[in-house]
Amino acid sequence: MYPTGRGWALLPAAVIAVLLAGCTGTSVAPGPGKATPATSSAAPAGGSALACGNYIAANASAAPLPVVLGVVALPASPRYPALGTSLSGEGDKARRLFAKTGLVIKPGATFELIVPAPFARRLSIGWGLPGMPSHRVVVNSCPNPGGKWLAYAGGYWIDHPACVPIIVRAGGKQQTVHIGIGTPCPGQQPPQGPSQS
């Protein structure tokens, strides 16, 4: 028997509720002095949702990183030096190298970090505990009662050193920044220490 009339209107809402219940991220209980964790939004295919409560610092500063669209501080060129890389230990050749760097976000901000399609076979990004390599990271209004920026552990996985684009989408706007991973982008300083190639 198929639903009729009002039954059809209720069916999509019920299906959406079940799907959302199974797709939301969870967070780890906070340690002393940490903000109450919030559930992250469901991530799109090929992506991951940042678990808000898994931050490593609740009193972070965006400086000296450039702030992009007012929501996230990234090690973008040319103002910040290229990131050093080390062997990741992963079996996947596309994730052979890892550039460790925190993700610093503005509390309450909602945005996405996206690896452009031409780089998807060789570049992954991820933050949180654990930071899962993906091609899109969704941040959904992570709270911090103290009002300071939040910092998360993670970084970039890549097959070999390169200057890579990362797309930031927030508030209906989009900006592409370039990040030197193991090698500088044009006009950028090289990594500040040993770097695996």
Foldseek 3Di string as FASTA:
>chain_A
DDDDDVVVVVVVVVVVVVVFVVFKAEADAADPPFDGWDIFGGDDPQEEEAGLRQFPDLADDLPPFDDDPNWWGDQFPASHAAFFWDQPPDPQLLQRIWGKDKIKTFAQFWKKKFFDPVCQSRKFWFWGVVTDTGGMYTYHRRHRVVRHITITITGMGGNDWDWGWIWMDGPNDIDITTHTHQAGDVNHHYHPDHHDD
